[in-house]
Protein backbone atom coordinates (compact mmCIF):
# COMPACT_ATOMS: atom_id res chain seq x y z
CA UNK A 1 34.18 138.49 105.95
CA UNK A 2 35.66 139.64 102.80
CA UNK A 3 34.79 136.70 99.73
CA UNK A 4 38.24 136.98 97.84
CA UNK A 5 40.35 134.11 97.48
CA UNK A 6 43.91 135.29 99.30
CA UNK A 7 46.89 135.59 96.71
CA UNK A 8 50.49 133.70 97.31
CA UNK A 9 53.10 135.87 97.65
CA UNK A 10 55.95 136.42 95.53
CA UNK A 11 58.22 135.60 98.61
CA UNK A 12 56.37 132.25 99.11
CA UNK A 13 56.48 131.53 95.06
CA UNK A 14 60.32 132.49 94.81
CA UNK A 15 60.81 129.68 98.43
CA UNK A 16 58.96 126.77 96.90
CA UNK A 17 60.98 127.46 93.53
CA UNK A 18 63.90 127.39 94.92
CA UNK A 19 63.06 124.14 97.21
CA UNK A 20 62.27 122.39 94.10
CA UNK A 21 65.29 123.33 92.53
CA UNK A 22 67.08 121.95 95.63
CA UNK A 23 65.49 119.11 95.35
CA UNK A 24 66.26 118.58 91.41
CA UNK A 25 70.16 119.28 92.32
CA UNK A 26 69.89 116.51 95.52
CA UNK A 27 68.32 113.95 92.99
CA UNK A 28 70.84 114.61 90.15
CA UNK A 29 73.94 114.48 92.51
CA UNK A 30 72.72 111.10 94.12
CA UNK A 31 72.51 109.53 90.28
CA UNK A 32 75.84 110.58 89.68
CA UNK A 33 77.23 108.57 92.97
CA UNK A 34 74.84 105.62 91.91
CA UNK A 35 76.62 105.88 88.50
CA UNK A 36 80.17 105.87 89.47
CA UNK A 37 79.98 103.19 92.33
CA UNK A 38 78.43 101.01 89.49
CA UNK A 39 81.24 101.65 87.35
CA UNK A 40 84.05 101.10 90.24
CA UNK A 41 82.15 97.84 90.76
CA UNK A 42 82.18 97.12 86.70
CA UNK A 43 85.99 98.43 86.55
CA UNK A 44 86.97 95.80 89.76
CA UNK A 45 84.85 92.72 87.89
CA UNK A 46 87.08 92.95 84.88
CA UNK A 47 90.54 93.36 86.60
CA UNK A 48 92.15 89.92 86.58
CA UNK A 49 93.32 88.40 90.07
CA UNK A 50 97.18 88.86 89.03
CA UNK A 51 97.77 84.99 89.16
CA UNK A 52 100.49 84.15 86.91
CA UNK A 53 100.19 80.24 85.08
CA UNK A 54 102.45 77.89 86.78
CA UNK A 55 106.00 77.92 84.82
CA UNK A 56 105.33 81.47 83.69
CA UNK A 57 106.79 82.96 86.77
CA UNK A 58 108.09 86.43 85.79
CA UNK A 59 111.43 87.06 87.83
CA UNK A 60 112.03 90.17 86.80
CA UNK A 61 116.35 90.13 86.47
CA UNK A 62 115.97 88.96 83.05
CA UNK A 63 114.63 91.29 79.66
CA UNK A 64 111.73 90.03 77.59
CA UNK A 65 113.15 87.35 75.40
CA UNK A 66 116.74 86.94 77.02
CA UNK A 67 118.26 83.37 76.89
CA UNK A 68 117.56 81.66 80.20
CA UNK A 69 120.74 79.72 80.50
CA UNK A 70 119.26 76.36 80.49
CA UNK A 71 120.33 75.07 77.18
């Protein structure tokens, strides 16, 4: 028997390097998706519910600051 270590071929080293790069890219994409989802949740929490306090119901046909006609 030949007494020596087998060397890893360049092809195998290149395959392993590409695999590591793909895994890193996949993790980056995953982190970006998580961050975007968290930002959407935060934005939704800050959006008001659209409720208008009683007595201030906008009709849409009057200009702001116009007289209401109840003098």
